[in-house]
Amino acid sequence: LLVSKDLGKHLLEVEDLLQKHGLLEADISAQTERVQALNAAALKFSELEGYQPCDPQIICNRVNHVQTCLEELEELAAKRRKELEDSRQLWTFFQEMEEAEAWIREKEKILAAKTCGRDLSSVLTLTTKHKTMLGELGNRRALLHQTMKKGEKILAKKSFSSVGIQEKMREVCLRWKKLEEVTGLHQQRLEDALNFFQFSAETDDLVAWLQDMYRIVSSDDFGHDDYSTQALLRKHRAVVEEVEKHRAAVLSLRKQLALLAPDHRQGVDVQIRVVEVEQLYGEVAEVAVLRTQWLQDALAVYRMFSEVHACEVWVDEKEQWLERMEVPEELDEVEVVQHRFESLDQEMNSVMGRILDVNQVVQQLVDGGHPSSEEVRACQDHLNSRWNRVVELVETKKTQLSSVLKIQNFLLEC
């Protein structure tokens, strides 16, 4: 049993042989105690004085022979245990290498079947799973490293043929290297897909924001008076600032596109999308400039109307006063009226400046093609006509005063 060359053909068989060998060692241990007791009893016969049933030398030789056989048996048992344990180490190594190969094959199939996702959410999910697999890969790498060390120790003992061990180590190392390469490629594809879908999501957000801005800047609400138009202009200036802040994001789209993987950046759809964003931003910026001008024109119109109203109030007042006024015949009264006309001349100079400003604003609005040009022009004509009416009345009254004054001076001289 102890000189058997059967060391097992797989791990389970070796474990079974080791278990049987353990029973044999226990039997040897039990027999050792019995042999030692028998040898001790036999040696007593070699020490007898007087009558000796057997030659003491024969007894000693017999005891020594049995002890030597027992020791040889124990040596054989120890040798076979070592051979069986070495065999267990070998088959444990092969089993661990087979488990590593099976794990590698499983991961190769998983990686071969994996896609890179269809949208940002699916890519993020796959990236999380891939990170988990990278953790498993690290743990398996550590186990494989330990198994490789076991193989090197087995080779160092030279107890078995090194051909099969080295071939298995080389084969598994090559498959492991290939697995890491495939894993790295898949990780790169995931990163490329993540960058692409993030770029697409940011582009979609930018398009949605630009569409909202276009609806805002293309509004036809220009206010209904000076106050509401000023409020709209303040809001619009804030919108224009936001649009300008997003200019850098739009300009950087082509740089971001250039950083994407070739498969993604060379797609027709994504290139068209970038052009659409650039065009949409240009339209928003252009319409924003136009709305600024429109609001400023509206504000100018409302301020012009306000100024016209103030001038017409003054014209109404003076027109009514001039129409009611009768030129006096007494010299003292004529001088009083004359002083009033001197004050009126000063007021008329001030109002004339305001009316000239109104005419200038109206001309600018008309030249700029303002949609309310006809209304503005009509308002201007009405104010100018009324102003001319007041000027005519003033000139008429001044002429009358001058005539009365000449008559009074003539009478005084007479």
Protein backbone atom coordinates (compact mmCIF):
# COMPACT_ATOMS: atom_id res chain seq x y z
CA LEU A 1 0.00 0.00 0.00
CA LEU A 2 2.78 2.42 0.88
CA VAL A 3 4.89 1.77 -2.20
CA SER A 4 1.92 2.32 -4.53
CA LYS A 5 2.56 4.78 -7.39
CA ASP A 6 -1.10 5.74 -7.59
CA LEU A 7 -1.13 9.45 -6.68
CA GLY A 8 -4.56 10.23 -8.14
CA LYS A 9 -5.68 11.63 -11.48
CA HIS A 10 -7.72 14.52 -10.11
CA LEU A 11 -8.22 16.39 -6.88
CA LEU A 12 -11.11 14.32 -5.56
CA GLU A 13 -9.20 11.10 -6.10
CA VAL A 14 -6.14 12.51 -4.32
CA GLU A 15 -8.33 13.60 -1.39
CA ASP A 16 -9.71 10.07 -1.23
CA LEU A 17 -6.20 8.56 -1.28
CA LEU A 18 -5.10 10.97 1.47
CA GLN A 19 -8.08 9.95 3.57
CA LYS A 20 -7.20 6.26 3.11
CA HIS A 21 -3.57 7.03 3.85
CA GLY A 22 -4.61 8.74 7.05
CA LEU A 23 -6.36 5.55 8.13
CA LEU A 24 -3.21 3.58 7.29
CA GLU A 25 -1.07 5.98 9.32
CA ALA A 26 -3.45 5.56 12.24
CA ASP A 27 -3.10 1.79 11.93
CA ILE A 28 0.70 2.09 11.83
CA SER A 29 0.60 4.34 14.89
CA ALA A 30 -1.50 1.76 16.74
CA GLN A 31 0.80 -1.07 15.67
CA THR A 32 3.82 0.98 16.76
CA GLU A 33 2.60 1.01 20.35
CA ARG A 34 2.01 -2.77 20.18
CA VAL A 35 5.47 -3.44 18.65
CA GLN A 36 7.18 -1.29 21.26
CA ALA A 37 5.38 -3.18 24.03
CA LEU A 38 6.29 -6.56 22.52
CA ASN A 39 9.92 -5.52 22.03
CA ALA A 40 10.12 -4.38 25.62
CA ALA A 41 8.67 -7.69 26.80
CA ALA A 42 11.07 -9.67 24.55
CA LEU A 43 14.14 -7.81 25.77
CA LYS A 44 13.35 -8.90 29.32
CA PHE A 45 14.06 -12.47 28.25
CA SER A 46 17.52 -11.45 27.08
CA GLU A 47 18.31 -10.10 30.54
CA LEU A 48 17.43 -13.25 32.52
CA GLU A 49 20.13 -14.82 34.66
CA GLY A 50 20.44 -18.50 34.94
CA TYR A 51 18.09 -20.44 32.73
CA GLN A 52 17.50 -18.71 29.38
CA PRO A 53 14.86 -20.16 27.08
CA CYS A 54 16.45 -18.51 24.06
CA ASP A 55 19.78 -17.04 23.13
CA PRO A 56 19.74 -13.37 24.19
CA GLN A 57 21.48 -12.37 20.93
CA ILE A 58 18.71 -13.94 18.88
CA ILE A 59 16.14 -12.01 20.90
CA CYS A 60 18.08 -8.73 20.42
CA ASN A 61 18.46 -9.37 16.72
CA ARG A 62 14.79 -10.13 16.40
CA VAL A 63 13.79 -6.97 18.30
CA ASN A 64 16.15 -4.83 16.20
CA HIS A 65 14.80 -6.34 12.98
CA VAL A 66 11.19 -5.64 13.96
CA GLN A 67 12.11 -2.07 15.02
CA THR A 68 13.93 -1.49 11.74
CA CYS A 69 10.97 -2.79 9.73
CA LEU A 70 8.67 -0.49 11.69
CA GLU A 71 10.90 2.52 11.06
CA GLU A 72 11.09 1.69 7.36
CA LEU A 73 7.30 1.44 7.33
CA GLU A 74 7.01 4.85 8.99
CA GLU A 75 9.47 6.36 6.48
CA LEU A 76 7.47 4.91 3.61
CA ALA A 77 4.29 6.34 5.15
CA ALA A 78 5.87 9.79 5.51
CA LYS A 79 7.22 9.61 1.95
CA ARG A 80 3.84 8.63 0.53
CA ARG A 81 2.09 11.39 2.51
CA LYS A 82 4.49 13.92 1.05
CA GLU A 83 3.92 12.53 -2.46
CA LEU A 84 0.14 12.64 -1.97
CA GLU A 85 0.27 16.19 -0.57
CA ASP A 86 2.44 17.24 -3.51
CA SER A 87 -0.10 15.61 -5.80
CA ARG A 88 -2.90 17.47 -4.01
CA GLN A 89 -1.02 20.75 -4.52
CA LEU A 90 -0.63 19.93 -8.21
CA TRP A 91 -4.29 19.05 -8.77
CA THR A 92 -5.40 21.99 -6.62
CA PHE A 93 -3.31 24.17 -8.91
CA PHE A 94 -4.90 22.64 -12.02
CA GLN A 95 -8.40 22.96 -10.57
CA GLU A 96 -7.84 26.62 -9.65
CA MET A 97 -6.47 27.25 -13.14
CA GLU A 98 -9.54 25.57 -14.66
CA GLU A 99 -11.79 27.70 -12.47
CA ALA A 100 -9.90 30.79 -13.64
CA GLU A 101 -10.33 29.71 -17.27
CA ALA A 102 -14.04 29.11 -16.74
CA TRP A 103 -14.39 32.56 -15.14
CA ILE A 104 -12.48 34.13 -18.02
CA ARG A 105 -14.70 32.36 -20.58
CA GLU A 106 -17.81 33.57 -18.77
CA LYS A 107 -16.60 37.19 -18.75
CA GLU A 108 -15.56 36.93 -22.40
CA LYS A 109 -19.10 35.88 -23.33
CA ILE A 110 -20.58 38.70 -21.25
CA LEU A 111 -18.29 41.29 -22.83
CA ALA A 112 -18.96 39.94 -26.32
CA ALA A 113 -22.73 40.30 -25.78
CA LYS A 114 -22.60 43.73 -24.12
CA THR A 115 -23.74 46.85 -25.95
CA CYS A 116 -22.84 50.43 -25.11
CA GLY A 117 -26.40 51.59 -24.48
CA ARG A 118 -28.91 53.60 -26.47
CA ASP A 119 -29.17 56.69 -24.28
CA LEU A 120 -27.49 58.42 -21.37
CA SER A 121 -29.45 56.49 -18.72
CA SER A 122 -28.60 53.06 -20.15
CA VAL A 123 -24.93 54.00 -20.58
CA LEU A 124 -24.72 55.13 -16.95
CA THR A 125 -26.29 51.82 -15.86
CA LEU A 126 -23.84 49.82 -17.97
CA THR A 127 -20.93 51.90 -16.67
CA THR A 128 -21.94 51.09 -13.09
CA LYS A 129 -22.11 47.37 -13.94
CA HIS A 130 -18.74 47.57 -15.67
CA LYS A 131 -17.19 49.15 -12.57
CA THR A 132 -18.54 46.22 -10.56
CA MET A 133 -16.96 43.81 -13.05
CA LEU A 134 -13.66 45.69 -12.77
CA GLY A 135 -13.79 45.05 -9.02
CA GLU A 136 -14.38 41.36 -9.67
CA LEU A 137 -11.53 41.41 -12.16
CA GLY A 138 -9.20 42.83 -9.51
CA ASN A 139 -10.17 40.17 -7.00
CA ARG A 140 -9.76 37.42 -9.59
CA ARG A 141 -6.39 38.85 -10.62
CA ALA A 142 -5.18 38.54 -7.02
CA LEU A 143 -6.39 34.92 -6.83
CA LEU A 144 -4.75 34.09 -10.14
CA HIS A 145 -1.51 35.64 -8.92
CA GLN A 146 -1.61 33.37 -5.86
CA THR A 147 -2.30 30.33 -8.07
CA MET A 148 0.64 31.24 -10.31
CA LYS A 149 2.88 31.35 -7.24
CA LYS A 150 1.67 27.87 -6.33
CA GLY A 151 2.60 26.67 -9.80
CA GLU A 152 6.06 28.19 -9.49
CA LYS A 153 6.57 26.43 -6.16
CA ILE A 154 5.51 23.12 -7.70
CA LEU A 155 7.97 23.68 -10.53
CA ALA A 156 10.71 24.51 -8.01
CA LYS A 157 10.17 21.15 -6.24
CA LYS A 158 10.58 19.30 -9.56
CA SER A 159 8.29 16.58 -8.24
CA PHE A 160 6.29 16.44 -11.46
CA SER A 161 6.82 17.12 -15.14
CA SER A 162 7.04 20.86 -15.75
CA VAL A 163 5.61 20.67 -19.30
CA GLY A 164 1.93 20.50 -18.39
CA ILE A 165 2.26 23.08 -15.60
CA GLN A 166 4.12 25.62 -17.73
CA GLU A 167 1.74 25.10 -20.65
CA LYS A 168 -1.29 25.66 -18.43
CA MET A 169 0.25 28.77 -16.88
CA ARG A 170 1.14 30.17 -20.28
CA GLU A 171 -2.32 29.43 -21.69
CA VAL A 172 -4.18 31.04 -18.79
CA CYS A 173 -1.86 34.06 -18.82
CA LEU A 174 -2.57 34.63 -22.50
CA ARG A 175 -6.33 34.35 -22.00
CA TRP A 176 -6.16 36.66 -19.01
CA LYS A 177 -4.20 39.23 -20.99
CA LYS A 178 -6.75 39.04 -23.79
CA LEU A 179 -9.59 39.45 -21.27
CA GLU A 180 -7.99 42.59 -19.84
CA GLU A 181 -7.56 43.96 -23.35
CA VAL A 182 -11.23 43.28 -24.17
CA THR A 183 -12.27 44.79 -20.86
CA GLY A 184 -10.20 47.89 -21.56
CA LEU A 185 -11.70 48.21 -25.05
CA HIS A 186 -15.22 47.85 -23.68
CA GLN A 187 -14.49 50.46 -21.02
CA GLN A 188 -13.22 52.81 -23.71
CA ARG A 189 -16.37 52.22 -25.77
CA LEU A 190 -18.50 52.95 -22.73
CA GLU A 191 -16.57 56.16 -22.06
CA ASP A 192 -16.94 57.17 -25.73
CA ALA A 193 -20.67 56.45 -25.61
CA LEU A 194 -21.01 58.33 -22.31
CA ASN A 195 -19.24 61.37 -23.76
CA PHE A 196 -21.44 61.21 -26.86
CA PHE A 197 -24.74 60.93 -24.99
CA GLN A 198 -23.68 63.63 -22.51
CA PHE A 199 -22.83 65.83 -25.48
CA SER A 200 -26.20 65.01 -27.06
CA ALA A 201 -28.05 65.71 -23.79
CA GLU A 202 -26.27 69.04 -23.31
CA THR A 203 -27.01 69.92 -26.94
CA ASP A 204 -30.69 69.04 -26.48
CA ASP A 205 -30.84 71.17 -23.32
CA LEU A 206 -29.22 74.03 -25.21
CA VAL A 207 -31.71 73.68 -28.08
CA ALA A 208 -34.65 73.66 -25.64
CA TRP A 209 -33.29 76.77 -23.90
CA LEU A 210 -32.73 78.55 -27.23
CA GLN A 211 -36.27 77.71 -28.34
CA ASP A 212 -37.61 79.21 -25.12
CA MET A 213 -35.45 82.28 -25.65
CA TYR A 214 -36.67 82.59 -29.24
CA ARG A 215 -40.29 82.62 -28.05
CA ILE A 216 -39.40 85.31 -25.52
CA VAL A 217 -37.38 87.57 -27.82
CA SER A 218 -39.92 87.23 -30.65
CA SER A 219 -42.80 88.41 -28.44
CA ASP A 220 -45.00 91.12 -29.93
CA ASP A 221 -45.68 92.68 -26.53
CA PHE A 222 -44.02 96.11 -26.50
CA GLY A 223 -45.99 97.56 -23.62
CA HIS A 224 -48.90 99.98 -23.59
CA ASP A 225 -47.22 103.01 -22.03
CA ASP A 226 -43.89 104.44 -20.97
CA TYR A 227 -43.76 102.54 -17.65
CA SER A 228 -44.70 99.09 -19.01
CA THR A 229 -42.31 99.44 -21.96
CA GLN A 230 -39.43 100.38 -19.63
CA ALA A 231 -40.20 97.27 -17.54
CA LEU A 232 -40.16 95.08 -20.67
CA LEU A 233 -36.90 96.68 -21.80
CA ARG A 234 -35.25 95.91 -18.45
CA LYS A 235 -36.38 92.27 -18.66
CA HIS A 236 -35.22 92.04 -22.25
CA ARG A 237 -31.77 93.36 -21.37
CA ALA A 238 -31.47 90.58 -18.78
CA VAL A 239 -32.48 88.06 -21.49
CA VAL A 240 -29.86 89.52 -23.86
CA GLU A 241 -27.21 89.06 -21.16
CA GLU A 242 -28.21 85.41 -20.75
CA VAL A 243 -28.08 84.89 -24.50
CA GLU A 244 -24.61 86.42 -24.60
CA LYS A 245 -23.47 84.19 -21.73
CA HIS A 246 -24.49 81.12 -23.76
CA ARG A 247 -22.46 82.24 -26.76
CA ALA A 248 -19.35 80.48 -25.42
CA ALA A 249 -21.31 77.23 -24.95
CA VAL A 250 -22.51 77.36 -28.55
CA LEU A 251 -19.06 78.20 -29.90
CA SER A 252 -17.51 75.31 -27.95
CA LEU A 253 -19.83 72.70 -29.51
CA ARG A 254 -17.47 72.06 -32.42
CA LYS A 255 -14.52 71.64 -30.05
CA GLN A 256 -16.52 69.16 -27.98
CA LEU A 257 -17.57 67.37 -31.15
CA ALA A 258 -13.93 67.04 -32.22
CA LEU A 259 -13.11 65.32 -28.90
CA LEU A 260 -15.71 62.57 -29.46
CA ALA A 261 -14.76 59.16 -30.82
CA PRO A 262 -14.60 59.00 -34.66
CA ASP A 263 -17.68 56.75 -34.85
CA HIS A 264 -19.71 59.35 -32.99
CA ARG A 265 -18.34 62.65 -34.30
CA GLN A 266 -18.52 61.55 -37.95
CA GLY A 267 -22.25 60.85 -37.76
CA VAL A 268 -24.34 63.01 -40.07
CA ASP A 269 -27.08 63.53 -37.48
CA VAL A 270 -24.78 64.94 -34.81
CA GLN A 271 -23.07 67.28 -37.27
CA ILE A 272 -26.45 68.52 -38.49
CA ARG A 273 -27.50 69.01 -34.87
CA VAL A 274 -24.51 71.25 -34.18
CA VAL A 275 -25.27 73.34 -37.27
CA GLU A 276 -28.91 73.65 -36.19
CA VAL A 277 -27.85 74.88 -32.74
CA GLU A 278 -25.50 77.46 -34.27
CA GLN A 279 -28.19 78.67 -36.65
CA LEU A 280 -30.82 78.80 -33.91
CA TYR A 281 -28.48 80.79 -31.67
CA GLY A 282 -27.80 83.21 -34.52
CA GLU A 283 -31.54 83.69 -35.02
CA VAL A 284 -32.11 84.25 -31.29
CA ALA A 285 -29.28 86.78 -31.11
CA GLU A 286 -30.54 88.58 -34.23
CA VAL A 287 -34.15 88.72 -33.05
CA ALA A 288 -32.95 89.86 -29.61
CA VAL A 289 -31.19 92.81 -31.23
CA LEU A 290 -34.31 93.62 -33.23
CA ARG A 291 -36.52 93.41 -30.13
CA THR A 292 -34.17 95.78 -28.33
CA GLN A 293 -34.60 98.26 -31.15
CA TRP A 294 -38.36 97.70 -31.25
CA LEU A 295 -38.69 98.26 -27.51
CA GLN A 296 -36.53 101.37 -27.71
CA ASP A 297 -38.68 102.62 -30.61
CA ALA A 298 -41.84 101.86 -28.64
CA LEU A 299 -40.40 103.69 -25.66
CA ALA A 300 -39.54 106.60 -27.91
CA VAL A 301 -43.09 106.61 -29.30
CA TYR A 302 -44.66 106.58 -25.84
CA ARG A 303 -42.33 109.32 -24.65
CA MET A 304 -43.09 111.26 -27.83
CA PHE A 305 -46.81 110.85 -27.20
CA SER A 306 -46.28 112.04 -23.63
CA GLU A 307 -44.31 115.04 -24.84
CA VAL A 308 -46.94 115.78 -27.50
CA HIS A 309 -49.65 115.61 -24.87
CA ALA A 310 -47.77 118.07 -22.64
CA CYS A 311 -47.25 120.43 -25.58
CA GLU A 312 -50.89 120.17 -26.63
CA VAL A 313 -52.03 120.94 -23.09
CA TRP A 314 -49.96 124.12 -23.25
CA VAL A 315 -51.23 124.88 -26.77
CA ASP A 316 -54.86 124.35 -25.64
CA GLU A 317 -54.38 126.70 -22.76
CA LYS A 318 -52.73 129.43 -24.82
CA GLU A 319 -55.07 128.98 -27.75
CA GLN A 320 -58.11 129.45 -25.52
CA TRP A 321 -56.50 132.47 -23.84
CA LEU A 322 -55.64 134.08 -27.16
CA GLU A 323 -59.08 133.47 -28.63
CA ARG A 324 -60.81 134.99 -25.58
CA MET A 325 -58.43 137.90 -25.25
CA GLU A 326 -59.63 141.27 -26.51
CA VAL A 327 -57.10 143.94 -27.32
CA PRO A 328 -57.62 146.89 -24.91
CA GLU A 329 -57.80 150.47 -26.06
CA GLU A 330 -56.33 152.08 -22.99
CA LEU A 331 -52.57 152.57 -22.97
CA ASP A 332 -52.08 151.20 -19.46
CA GLU A 333 -53.93 148.03 -20.27
CA VAL A 334 -52.05 147.66 -23.54
CA GLU A 335 -48.73 147.76 -21.69
CA VAL A 336 -49.91 145.06 -19.29
CA VAL A 337 -50.90 142.82 -22.20
CA GLN A 338 -47.62 143.54 -23.88
CA HIS A 339 -45.74 142.32 -20.79
CA ARG A 340 -47.79 139.14 -20.91
CA PHE A 341 -46.78 138.59 -24.52
CA GLU A 342 -43.14 139.02 -23.58
CA SER A 343 -43.53 136.19 -21.06
CA LEU A 344 -45.43 134.22 -23.67
CA ASP A 345 -42.53 134.58 -26.10
CA GLN A 346 -40.20 132.96 -23.57
CA GLU A 347 -42.62 130.08 -23.02
CA MET A 348 -43.06 129.68 -26.76
CA ASN A 349 -39.28 129.43 -27.23
CA SER A 350 -39.16 126.63 -24.65
CA VAL A 351 -42.15 124.80 -26.15
CA MET A 352 -40.73 125.31 -29.64
CA GLY A 353 -37.58 123.43 -28.53
CA ARG A 354 -39.70 120.57 -27.26
CA ILE A 355 -41.70 120.46 -30.49
CA LEU A 356 -38.48 120.38 -32.52
CA ASP A 357 -37.31 117.42 -30.42
CA VAL A 358 -40.63 115.70 -31.11
CA ASN A 359 -40.21 116.30 -34.86
CA GLN A 360 -36.68 114.86 -34.72
CA VAL A 361 -37.85 111.70 -32.90
CA VAL A 362 -40.69 111.29 -35.38
CA GLN A 363 -38.31 111.56 -38.31
CA GLN A 364 -36.02 108.92 -36.80
CA LEU A 365 -38.94 106.55 -36.27
CA VAL A 366 -40.25 107.08 -39.79
CA ASP A 367 -36.79 106.65 -41.33
CA GLY A 368 -36.32 103.47 -39.28
CA GLY A 369 -39.51 102.00 -40.71
CA HIS A 370 -41.38 101.90 -37.39
CA PRO A 371 -44.70 100.04 -37.73
CA SER A 372 -46.54 102.99 -36.16
CA SER A 373 -45.02 105.50 -38.55
CA GLU A 374 -48.38 106.67 -39.90
CA GLU A 375 -49.83 107.20 -36.43
CA VAL A 376 -46.70 108.99 -35.29
CA ARG A 377 -46.68 111.19 -38.38
CA ALA A 378 -50.35 112.06 -37.90
CA CYS A 379 -49.66 113.00 -34.29
CA GLN A 380 -46.77 115.18 -35.43
CA ASP A 381 -48.86 116.92 -38.09
CA HIS A 382 -51.64 117.57 -35.62
CA LEU A 383 -49.26 119.09 -33.10
CA ASN A 384 -47.50 121.20 -35.73
CA SER A 385 -50.79 122.47 -37.11
CA ARG A 386 -51.97 123.46 -33.68
CA TRP A 387 -48.63 125.08 -32.96
CA ASN A 388 -48.88 127.05 -36.18
CA ARG A 389 -52.40 128.08 -35.18
CA VAL A 390 -51.08 129.42 -31.89
CA VAL A 391 -48.25 131.23 -33.67
CA GLU A 392 -50.76 132.81 -36.06
CA LEU A 393 -52.96 133.90 -33.17
CA VAL A 394 -49.99 135.38 -31.38
CA GLU A 395 -48.91 137.25 -34.46
CA THR A 396 -52.43 138.52 -35.01
CA LYS A 397 -52.77 139.70 -31.42
CA LYS A 398 -49.32 141.30 -31.53
CA THR A 399 -50.29 143.15 -34.73
CA GLN A 400 -53.47 144.38 -33.10
CA LEU A 401 -51.55 145.49 -30.03
CA SER A 402 -49.02 147.23 -32.19
CA SER A 403 -51.78 149.12 -34.03
CA VAL A 404 -53.46 150.18 -30.79
CA LEU A 405 -50.11 151.22 -29.38
CA LYS A 406 -49.36 153.39 -32.43
CA ILE A 407 -52.74 155.08 -32.17
CA GLN A 408 -52.29 155.78 -28.48
CA ASN A 409 -48.82 157.19 -29.03
CA PHE A 410 -50.13 159.37 -31.88
CA LEU A 411 -52.90 160.72 -29.66
CA LEU A 412 -50.40 161.49 -26.93
CA GLU A 413 -48.20 163.41 -29.30
CA CYS A 414 -51.18 165.35 -30.54
